Amino acid sequence: MRIDALNQVTNLYKTTKARKTETAAAVSGRDVVQISQVGRDYQIAKQAVAKSPEVREDKVATLKAQIDSGKYQVNPEDFAAKLLEKYQAYR
């Protein structure tokens, strides 16, 4: 490798000269934020979930009344299927 050829390469690419940078044109106006329709839908859904109660009192009252009256029946096959489903989900 010839080191003395470095000056010739430098002259070829003119890397030793300071370069002027271009300045960006002044932008007039204000910044604008645009929210997509998906974002708006997400905000609406999030607000609806936040307003809804964690416990559905109507369901609880109905089930409680059925249990108290003795009319609430659990199907053993359905119970076993759900139990196996939960067990397999944790494996």
PDB file of N, CA and C in Angstrom:
ATOM      1  N   MET A   1       0.841  -1.169   0.000  1.00  0.00           N
ATOM      2  CA  MET A   1       0.000   0.000   0.000  1.00  0.00           C
ATOM      3  C   MET A   1       0.886   1.231   0.000  1.00  0.00           C
ATOM      4  N   ARG A   2       0.573   2.151  -0.869  1.00  0.00           N
ATOM      5  CA  ARG A   2       1.378   3.373  -0.964  1.00  0.00           C
ATOM      6  C   ARG A   2       0.703   4.485  -0.177  1.00  0.00           C
ATOM      7  N   ILE A   3       1.367   4.985   0.825  1.00  0.00           N
ATOM      8  CA  ILE A   3       0.819   6.048   1.651  1.00  0.00           C
ATOM      9  C   ILE A   3       0.903   7.388   0.937  1.00  0.00           C
ATOM     10  N   ASP A   4       1.896   7.561   0.079  1.00  0.00           N
ATOM     11  CA  ASP A   4       2.039   8.844  -0.599  1.00  0.00           C
ATOM     12  C   ASP A   4       0.909   9.102  -1.596  1.00  0.00           C
ATOM     13  N   ALA A   5       0.135   8.068  -1.949  1.00  0.00           N
ATOM     14  CA  ALA A   5      -0.990   8.251  -2.852  1.00  0.00           C
ATOM     15  C   ALA A   5      -2.203   8.820  -2.117  1.00  0.00           C
ATOM     16  N   LEU A   6      -2.137   8.907  -0.797  1.00  0.00           N
ATOM     17  CA  LEU A   6      -3.245   9.436  -0.006  1.00  0.00           C
ATOM     18  C   LEU A   6      -3.573  10.870  -0.397  1.00  0.00           C
ATOM     19  N   ASN A   7      -2.563  11.675  -0.668  1.00  0.00           N
ATOM     20  CA  ASN A   7      -2.806  13.064  -1.073  1.00  0.00           C
ATOM     21  C   ASN A   7      -3.551  13.124  -2.403  1.00  0.00           C
ATOM     22  N   GLN A   8      -3.230  12.227  -3.301  1.00  0.00           N
ATOM     23  CA  GLN A   8      -3.921  12.215  -4.585  1.00  0.00           C
ATOM     24  C   GLN A   8      -5.386  11.824  -4.405  1.00  0.00           C
ATOM     25  N   VAL A   9      -5.666  10.865  -3.538  1.00  0.00           N
ATOM     26  CA  VAL A   9      -7.040  10.450  -3.271  1.00  0.00           C
ATOM     27  C   VAL A   9      -7.793  11.583  -2.597  1.00  0.00           C
ATOM     28  N   THR A  10      -7.143  12.256  -1.674  1.00  0.00           N
ATOM     29  CA  THR A  10      -7.777  13.366  -0.974  1.00  0.00           C
ATOM     30  C   THR A  10      -8.110  14.488  -1.950  1.00  0.00           C
ATOM     31  N   ASN A  11      -7.222  14.772  -2.863  1.00  0.00           N
ATOM     32  CA  ASN A  11      -7.496  15.806  -3.867  1.00  0.00           C
ATOM     33  C   ASN A  11      -8.628  15.386  -4.798  1.00  0.00           C
ATOM     34  N   LEU A  12      -8.679  14.120  -5.097  1.00  0.00           N
ATOM     35  CA  LEU A  12      -9.710  13.631  -5.985  1.00  0.00           C
ATOM     36  C   LEU A  12     -11.111  13.825  -5.376  1.00  0.00           C
ATOM     37  N   TYR A  13     -11.252  13.471  -4.114  1.00  0.00           N
ATOM     38  CA  TYR A  13     -12.551  13.579  -3.455  1.00  0.00           C
ATOM     39  C   TYR A  13     -12.746  14.910  -2.738  1.00  0.00           C
ATOM     40  N   LYS A  14     -11.709  15.697  -2.623  1.00  0.00           N
ATOM     41  CA  LYS A  14     -11.737  16.993  -1.965  1.00  0.00           C
ATOM     42  C   LYS A  14     -12.338  16.892  -0.567  1.00  0.00           C
ATOM     43  N   THR A  15     -11.839  15.940   0.181  1.00  0.00           N
ATOM     44  CA  THR A  15     -12.361  15.730   1.520  1.00  0.00           C
ATOM     45  C   THR A  15     -11.755  16.666   2.548  1.00  0.00           C
ATOM     46  N   THR A  16     -10.694  17.376   2.174  1.00  0.00           N
ATOM     47  CA  THR A  16     -10.055  18.254   3.152  1.00  0.00           C
ATOM     48  C   THR A  16     -10.726  19.615   3.232  1.00  0.00           C
ATOM     49  N   LYS A  17     -11.521  19.978   2.240  1.00  0.00           N
ATOM     50  CA  LYS A  17     -12.179  21.276   2.261  1.00  0.00           C
ATOM     51  C   LYS A  17     -13.403  21.238   3.169  1.00  0.00           C
ATOM     52  N   ALA A  18     -13.636  22.330   3.820  1.00  0.00           N
ATOM     53  CA  ALA A  18     -14.830  22.437   4.655  1.00  0.00           C
ATOM     54  C   ALA A  18     -16.040  22.579   3.748  1.00  0.00           C
ATOM     55  N   ARG A  19     -17.059  21.864   4.061  1.00  0.00           N
ATOM     56  CA  ARG A  19     -18.270  21.909   3.260  1.00  0.00           C
ATOM     57  C   ARG A  19     -19.286  22.827   3.931  1.00  0.00           C
ATOM     58  N   LYS A  20     -20.039  23.500   3.103  1.00  0.00           N
ATOM     59  CA  LYS A  20     -21.107  24.334   3.634  1.00  0.00           C
ATOM     60  C   LYS A  20     -22.364  23.473   3.762  1.00  0.00           C
ATOM     61  N   THR A  21     -23.019  23.646   4.854  1.00  0.00           N
ATOM     62  CA  THR A  21     -24.255  22.901   5.040  1.00  0.00           C
ATOM     63  C   THR A  21     -25.425  23.760   4.603  1.00  0.00           C
ATOM     64  N   GLU A  22     -26.384  23.090   4.059  1.00  0.00           N
ATOM     65  CA  GLU A  22     -27.564  23.805   3.615  1.00  0.00           C
ATOM     66  C   GLU A  22     -28.495  23.993   4.812  1.00  0.00           C
ATOM     67  N   THR A  23     -29.030  25.162   4.928  1.00  0.00           N
ATOM     68  CA  THR A  23     -29.963  25.402   6.023  1.00  0.00           C
ATOM     69  C   THR A  23     -31.371  25.100   5.547  1.00  0.00           C
ATOM     70  N   ALA A  24     -32.140  24.584   6.447  1.00  0.00           N
ATOM     71  CA  ALA A  24     -33.526  24.255   6.114  1.00  0.00           C
ATOM     72  C   ALA A  24     -34.325  25.541   5.993  1.00  0.00           C
ATOM     73  N   ALA A  25     -35.226  25.531   5.063  1.00  0.00           N
ATOM     74  CA  ALA A  25     -36.079  26.700   4.880  1.00  0.00           C
ATOM     75  C   ALA A  25     -36.963  26.866   6.107  1.00  0.00           C
ATOM     76  N   ALA A  26     -37.210  28.070   6.480  1.00  0.00           N
ATOM     77  CA  ALA A  26     -38.041  28.339   7.642  1.00  0.00           C
ATOM     78  C   ALA A  26     -39.458  27.838   7.375  1.00  0.00           C
ATOM     79  N   VAL A  27     -39.970  27.106   8.320  1.00  0.00           N
ATOM     80  CA  VAL A  27     -41.296  26.545   8.177  1.00  0.00           C
ATOM     81  C   VAL A  27     -42.268  27.448   8.928  1.00  0.00           C
ATOM     82  N   SER A  28     -43.238  27.895   8.211  1.00  0.00           N
ATOM     83  CA  SER A  28     -44.223  28.744   8.865  1.00  0.00           C
ATOM     84  C   SER A  28     -45.427  27.901   9.257  1.00  0.00           C
ATOM     85  N   GLY A  29     -46.148  28.338  10.237  1.00  0.00           N
ATOM     86  CA  GLY A  29     -47.334  27.618  10.676  1.00  0.00           C
ATOM     87  C   GLY A  29     -47.085  26.907  11.982  1.00  0.00           C
ATOM     88  N   ARG A  30     -48.069  26.152  12.384  1.00  0.00           N
ATOM     89  CA  ARG A  30     -47.988  25.453  13.656  1.00  0.00           C
ATOM     90  C   ARG A  30     -47.981  23.959  13.428  1.00  0.00           C
ATOM     91  N   ASP A  31     -47.517  23.241  14.421  1.00  0.00           N
ATOM     92  CA  ASP A  31     -47.540  21.788  14.348  1.00  0.00           C
ATOM     93  C   ASP A  31     -48.980  21.307  14.458  1.00  0.00           C
ATOM     94  N   VAL A  32     -49.265  20.210  13.774  1.00  0.00           N
ATOM     95  CA  VAL A  32     -50.614  19.658  13.774  1.00  0.00           C
ATOM     96  C   VAL A  32     -50.523  18.183  14.132  1.00  0.00           C
ATOM     97  N   VAL A  33     -51.389  17.751  15.029  1.00  0.00           N
ATOM     98  CA  VAL A  33     -51.462  16.348  15.405  1.00  0.00           C
ATOM     99  C   VAL A  33     -52.748  15.779  14.835  1.00  0.00           C
ATOM    100  N   GLN A  34     -52.628  14.650  14.156  1.00  0.00           N
ATOM    101  CA  GLN A  34     -53.799  14.000  13.592  1.00  0.00           C
ATOM    102  C   GLN A  34     -53.909  12.602  14.172  1.00  0.00           C
ATOM    103  N   ILE A  35     -55.081  12.288  14.696  1.00  0.00           N
ATOM    104  CA  ILE A  35     -55.322  10.972  15.278  1.00  0.00           C
ATOM    105  C   ILE A  35     -56.142  10.163  14.276  1.00  0.00           C
ATOM    106  N   SER A  36     -55.685   8.956  13.996  1.00  0.00           N
ATOM    107  CA  SER A  36     -56.371   8.110  13.015  1.00  0.00           C
ATOM    108  C   SER A  36     -57.722   7.652  13.560  1.00  0.00           C
ATOM    109  N   GLN A  37     -58.535   7.114  12.672  1.00  0.00           N
ATOM    110  CA  GLN A  37     -59.850   6.615  13.077  1.00  0.00           C
ATOM    111  C   GLN A  37     -59.700   5.440  14.038  1.00  0.00           C
ATOM    112  N   VAL A  38     -58.693   4.616  13.823  1.00  0.00           N
ATOM    113  CA  VAL A  38     -58.446   3.487  14.727  1.00  0.00           C
ATOM    114  C   VAL A  38     -58.108   4.010  16.121  1.00  0.00           C
ATOM    115  N   GLY A  39     -57.309   5.061  16.185  1.00  0.00           N
ATOM    116  CA  GLY A  39     -56.968   5.656  17.466  1.00  0.00           C
ATOM    117  C   GLY A  39     -58.184   6.219  18.173  1.00  0.00           C
ATOM    118  N   ARG A  40     -59.063   6.859  17.418  1.00  0.00           N
ATOM    119  CA  ARG A  40     -60.297   7.404  18.005  1.00  0.00           C
ATOM    120  C   ARG A  40     -61.188   6.278  18.523  1.00  0.00           C
ATOM    121  N   ASP A  41     -61.321   5.215  17.723  1.00  0.00           N
ATOM    122  CA  ASP A  41     -62.134   4.075  18.147  1.00  0.00           C
ATOM    123  C   ASP A  41     -61.561   3.449  19.420  1.00  0.00           C
ATOM    124  N   TYR A  42     -60.240   3.364  19.492  1.00  0.00           N
ATOM    125  CA  TYR A  42     -59.586   2.812  20.680  1.00  0.00           C
ATOM    126  C   TYR A  42     -59.885   3.668  21.897  1.00  0.00           C
ATOM    127  N   GLN A  43     -59.832   4.983  21.758  1.00  0.00           N
ATOM    128  CA  GLN A  43     -60.117   5.882  22.877  1.00  0.00           C
ATOM    129  C   GLN A  43     -61.557   5.716  23.354  1.00  0.00           C
ATOM    130  N   ILE A  44     -62.498   5.600  22.418  1.00  0.00           N
ATOM    131  CA  ILE A  44     -63.908   5.429  22.776  1.00  0.00           C
ATOM    132  C   ILE A  44     -64.110   4.110  23.523  1.00  0.00           C
ATOM    133  N   ALA A  45     -63.493   3.045  23.015  1.00  0.00           N
ATOM    134  CA  ALA A  45     -63.624   1.736  23.660  1.00  0.00           C
ATOM    135  C   ALA A  45     -63.002   1.750  25.046  1.00  0.00           C
ATOM    136  N   LYS A  46     -61.871   2.400  25.183  1.00  0.00           N
ATOM    137  CA  LYS A  46     -61.188   2.477  26.475  1.00  0.00           C
ATOM    138  C   LYS A  46     -62.042   3.233  27.491  1.00  0.00           C
ATOM    139  N   GLN A  47     -62.681   4.313  27.063  1.00  0.00           N
ATOM    140  CA  GLN A  47     -63.553   5.076  27.956  1.00  0.00           C
ATOM    141  C   GLN A  47     -64.777   4.251  28.360  1.00  0.00           C
ATOM    142  N   ALA A  48     -65.340   3.486  27.420  1.00  0.00           N
ATOM    143  CA  ALA A  48     -66.508   2.654  27.725  1.00  0.00           C
ATOM    144  C   ALA A  48     -66.150   1.574  28.741  1.00  0.00           C
ATOM    145  N   VAL A  49     -64.994   0.972  28.602  1.00  0.00           N
ATOM    146  CA  VAL A  49     -64.565  -0.061  29.546  1.00  0.00           C
ATOM    147  C   VAL A  49     -64.311   0.554  30.922  1.00  0.00           C
ATOM    148  N   ALA A  50     -63.729   1.740  30.946  1.00  0.00           N
ATOM    149  CA  ALA A  50     -63.446   2.396  32.222  1.00  0.00           C
ATOM    150  C   ALA A  50     -64.734   2.744  32.968  1.00  0.00           C
ATOM    151  N   LYS A  51     -65.806   3.047  32.234  1.00  0.00           N
ATOM    152  CA  LYS A  51     -67.076   3.417  32.861  1.00  0.00           C
ATOM    153  C   LYS A  51     -67.885   2.211  33.323  1.00  0.00           C
ATOM    154  N   SER A  52     -67.631   1.037  32.740  1.00  0.00           N
ATOM    155  CA  SER A  52     -68.428  -0.134  33.092  1.00  0.00           C
ATOM    156  C   SER A  52     -67.948  -0.713  34.428  1.00  0.00           C
ATOM    157  N   PRO A  53     -68.880  -1.238  35.222  1.00  0.00           N
ATOM    158  CA  PRO A  53     -68.492  -1.815  36.520  1.00  0.00           C
ATOM    159  C   PRO A  53     -67.754  -3.136  36.324  1.00  0.00           C
ATOM    160  N   GLU A  54     -66.908  -3.476  37.283  1.00  0.00           N
ATOM    161  CA  GLU A  54     -66.156  -4.730  37.193  1.00  0.00           C
ATOM    162  C   GLU A  54     -67.055  -5.933  37.432  1.00  0.00           C
ATOM    163  N   VAL A  55     -68.049  -5.778  38.297  1.00  0.00           N
ATOM    164  CA  VAL A  55     -68.957  -6.872  38.625  1.00  0.00           C
ATOM    165  C   VAL A  55     -70.308  -6.579  37.991  1.00  0.00           C
ATOM    166  N   ARG A  56     -70.819  -7.552  37.274  1.00  0.00           N
ATOM    167  CA  ARG A  56     -72.142  -7.398  36.652  1.00  0.00           C
ATOM    168  C   ARG A  56     -73.192  -7.803  37.682  1.00  0.00           C
ATOM    169  N   GLU A  57     -73.707  -6.798  38.353  1.00  0.00           N
ATOM    170  CA  GLU A  57     -74.635  -7.017  39.461  1.00  0.00           C
ATOM    171  C   GLU A  57     -75.879  -7.788  39.032  1.00  0.00           C
ATOM    172  N   ASP A  58     -76.367  -7.572  37.813  1.00  0.00           N
ATOM    173  CA  ASP A  58     -77.562  -8.267  37.358  1.00  0.00           C
ATOM    174  C   ASP A  58     -77.330  -9.775  37.249  1.00  0.00           C
ATOM    175  N   LYS A  59     -76.167 -10.162  36.735  1.00  0.00           N
ATOM    176  CA  LYS A  59     -75.831 -11.591  36.627  1.00  0.00           C
ATOM    177  C   LYS A  59     -75.680 -12.212  38.012  1.00  0.00           C
ATOM    178  N   VAL A  60     -75.007 -11.483  38.898  1.00  0.00           N
ATOM    179  CA  VAL A  60     -74.776 -11.992  40.253  1.00  0.00           C
ATOM    180  C   VAL A  60     -76.107 -12.189  40.971  1.00  0.00           C
ATOM    181  N   ALA A  61     -77.003 -11.231  40.836  1.00  0.00           N
ATOM    182  CA  ALA A  61     -78.300 -11.326  41.502  1.00  0.00           C
ATOM    183  C   ALA A  61     -79.107 -12.518  40.967  1.00  0.00           C
ATOM    184  N   THR A  62     -79.094 -12.719  39.657  1.00  0.00           N
ATOM    185  CA  THR A  62     -79.832 -13.839  39.057  1.00  0.00           C
ATOM    186  C   THR A  62     -79.281 -15.177  39.545  1.00  0.00           C
ATOM    187  N   LEU A  63     -77.963 -15.325  39.516  1.00  0.00           N
ATOM    188  CA  LEU A  63     -77.353 -16.581  39.963  1.00  0.00           C
ATOM    189  C   LEU A  63     -77.581 -16.801  41.450  1.00  0.00           C
ATOM    190  N   LYS A  64     -77.504 -15.755  42.235  1.00  0.00           N
ATOM    191  CA  LYS A  64     -77.717 -15.876  43.674  1.00  0.00           C
ATOM    192  C   LYS A  64     -79.149 -16.337  43.962  1.00  0.00           C
ATOM    193  N   ALA A  65     -80.103 -15.784  43.233  1.00  0.00           N
ATOM    194  CA  ALA A  65     -81.503 -16.185  43.411  1.00  0.00           C
ATOM    195  C   ALA A  65     -81.708 -17.642  43.024  1.00  0.00           C
ATOM    196  N   GLN A  66     -81.065 -18.088  41.956  1.00  0.00           N
ATOM    197  CA  GLN A  66     -81.189 -19.492  41.535  1.00  0.00           C
ATOM    198  C   GLN A  66     -80.578 -20.433  42.570  1.00  0.00           C
ATOM    199  N   ILE A  67     -79.433 -20.044  43.125  1.00  0.00           N
ATOM    200  CA  ILE A  67     -78.779 -20.884  44.141  1.00  0.00           C
ATOM    201  C   ILE A  67     -79.634 -20.954  45.398  1.00  0.00           C
ATOM    202  N   ASP A  68     -80.148 -19.798  45.819  1.00  0.00           N
ATOM    203  CA  ASP A  68     -80.971 -19.766  47.031  1.00  0.00           C
ATOM    204  C   ASP A  68     -82.249 -20.586  46.884  1.00  0.00           C
ATOM    205  N   SER A  69     -82.823 -20.585  45.687  1.00  0.00           N
ATOM    206  CA  SER A  69     -84.070 -21.324  45.473  1.00  0.00           C
ATOM    207  C   SER A  69     -83.832 -22.798  45.146  1.00  0.00           C
ATOM    208  N   GLY A  70     -82.571 -23.171  44.921  1.00  0.00           N
ATOM    209  CA  GLY A  70     -82.253 -24.564  44.606  1.00  0.00           C
ATOM    210  C   GLY A  70     -82.440 -24.914  43.144  1.00  0.00           C
ATOM    211  N   LYS A  71     -82.656 -23.929  42.301  1.00  0.00           N
ATOM    212  CA  LYS A  71     -82.872 -24.174  40.872  1.00  0.00           C
ATOM    213  C   LYS A  71     -81.580 -24.162  40.061  1.00  0.00           C
ATOM    214  N   TYR A  72     -80.481 -23.777  40.674  1.00  0.00           N
ATOM    215  CA  TYR A  72     -79.215 -23.701  39.937  1.00  0.00           C
ATOM    216  C   TYR A  72     -78.625 -25.100  39.845  1.00  0.00           C
ATOM    217  N   GLN A  73     -78.453 -25.573  38.642  1.00  0.00           N
ATOM    218  CA  GLN A  73     -77.908 -26.903  38.408  1.00  0.00           C
ATOM    219  C   GLN A  73     -76.622 -26.804  37.598  1.00  0.00           C
ATOM    220  N   VAL A  74     -75.631 -27.555  38.008  1.00  0.00           N
ATOM    221  CA  VAL A  74     -74.360 -27.604  37.292  1.00  0.00           C
ATOM    222  C   VAL A  74     -74.297 -28.919  36.534  1.00  0.00           C
ATOM    223  N   ASN A  75     -74.076 -28.850  35.242  1.00  0.00           N
ATOM    224  CA  ASN A  75     -73.933 -30.045  34.429  1.00  0.00           C
ATOM    225  C   ASN A  75     -72.529 -30.588  34.670  1.00  0.00           C
ATOM    226  N   PRO A  76     -72.406 -31.789  35.215  1.00  0.00           N
ATOM    227  CA  PRO A  76     -71.080 -32.343  35.530  1.00  0.00           C
ATOM    228  C   PRO A  76     -70.173 -32.476  34.303  1.00  0.00           C
ATOM    229  N   GLU A  77     -70.750 -32.780  33.154  1.00  0.00           N
ATOM    230  CA  GLU A  77     -69.939 -32.923  31.944  1.00  0.00           C
ATOM    231  C   GLU A  77     -69.362 -31.572  31.511  1.00  0.00           C
ATOM    232  N   ASP A  78     -70.201 -30.536  31.590  1.00  0.00           N
ATOM    233  CA  ASP A  78     -69.715 -29.192  31.252  1.00  0.00           C
ATOM    234  C   ASP A  78     -68.626 -28.750  32.221  1.00  0.00           C
ATOM    235  N   PHE A  79     -68.842 -29.043  33.514  1.00  0.00           N
ATOM    236  CA  PHE A  79     -67.859 -28.677  34.525  1.00  0.00           C
ATOM    237  C   PHE A  79     -66.529 -29.384  34.276  1.00  0.00           C
ATOM    238  N   ALA A  80     -66.583 -30.677  33.984  1.00  0.00           N
ATOM    239  CA  ALA A  80     -65.363 -31.452  33.729  1.00  0.00           C
ATOM    240  C   ALA A  80     -64.650 -30.940  32.480  1.00  0.00           C
ATOM    241  N   ALA A  81     -65.419 -30.595  31.446  1.00  0.00           N
ATOM    242  CA  ALA A  81     -64.808 -30.087  30.210  1.00  0.00           C
ATOM    243  C   ALA A  81     -64.098 -28.762  30.459  1.00  0.00           C
ATOM    244  N   LYS A  82     -64.727 -27.880  31.211  1.00  0.00           N
ATOM    245  CA  LYS A  82     -64.104 -26.584  31.530  1.00  0.00           C
ATOM    246  C   LYS A  82     -62.864 -26.776  32.392  1.00  0.00           C
ATOM    247  N   LEU A  83     -62.950 -27.704  33.342  1.00  0.00           N
ATOM    248  CA  LEU A  83     -61.819 -27.974  34.221  1.00  0.00           C
ATOM    249  C   LEU A  83     -60.621 -28.490  33.423  1.00  0.00           C
ATOM    250  N   LEU A  84     -60.862 -29.414  32.508  1.00  0.00           N
ATOM    251  CA  LEU A  84     -59.783 -29.935  31.656  1.00  0.00           C
ATOM    252  C   LEU A  84     -59.225 -28.845  30.736  1.00  0.00           C
ATOM    253  N   GLU A  85     -60.109 -28.008  30.236  1.00  0.00           N
ATOM    254  CA  GLU A  85     -59.695 -26.906  29.357  1.00  0.00           C
ATOM    255  C   GLU A  85     -58.735 -25.968  30.092  1.00  0.00           C
ATOM    256  N   LYS A  86     -59.080 -25.623  31.323  1.00  0.00           N
ATOM    257  CA  LYS A  86     -58.212 -24.741  32.141  1.00  0.00           C
ATOM    258  C   LYS A  86     -56.896 -25.439  32.484  1.00  0.00           C
ATOM    259  N   TYR A  87     -56.979 -26.734  32.810  1.00  0.00           N
ATOM    260  CA  TYR A  87     -55.788 -27.487  33.153  1.00  0.00           C
ATOM    261  C   TYR A  87     -54.811 -27.539  31.977  1.00  0.00           C
ATOM    262  N   GLN A  88     -55.320 -27.778  30.774  1.00  0.00           N
ATOM    263  CA  GLN A  88     -54.468 -27.871  29.592  1.00  0.00           C
ATOM    264  C   GLN A  88     -53.906 -26.511  29.204  1.00  0.00           C
ATOM    265  N   ALA A  89     -54.598 -25.445  29.534  1.00  0.00           N
ATOM    266  CA  ALA A  89     -54.108 -24.093  29.210  1.00  0.00           C
ATOM    267  C   ALA A  89     -52.876 -23.754  30.048  1.00  0.00           C
ATOM    268  N   TYR A  90     -52.758 -24.324  31.248  1.00  0.00           N
ATOM    269  CA  TYR A  90     -51.634 -24.027  32.136  1.00  0.00           C
ATOM    270  C   TYR A  90     -50.437 -24.913  31.885  1.00  0.00           C
ATOM    271  N   ARG A  91     -50.572 -25.930  31.074  1.00  0.00           N
ATOM    272  CA  ARG A  91     -49.455 -26.862  30.825  1.00  0.00           C
ATOM    273  C   ARG A  91     -48.462 -26.294  29.882  1.00  0.00           C
TER     274      ARG A  91
END
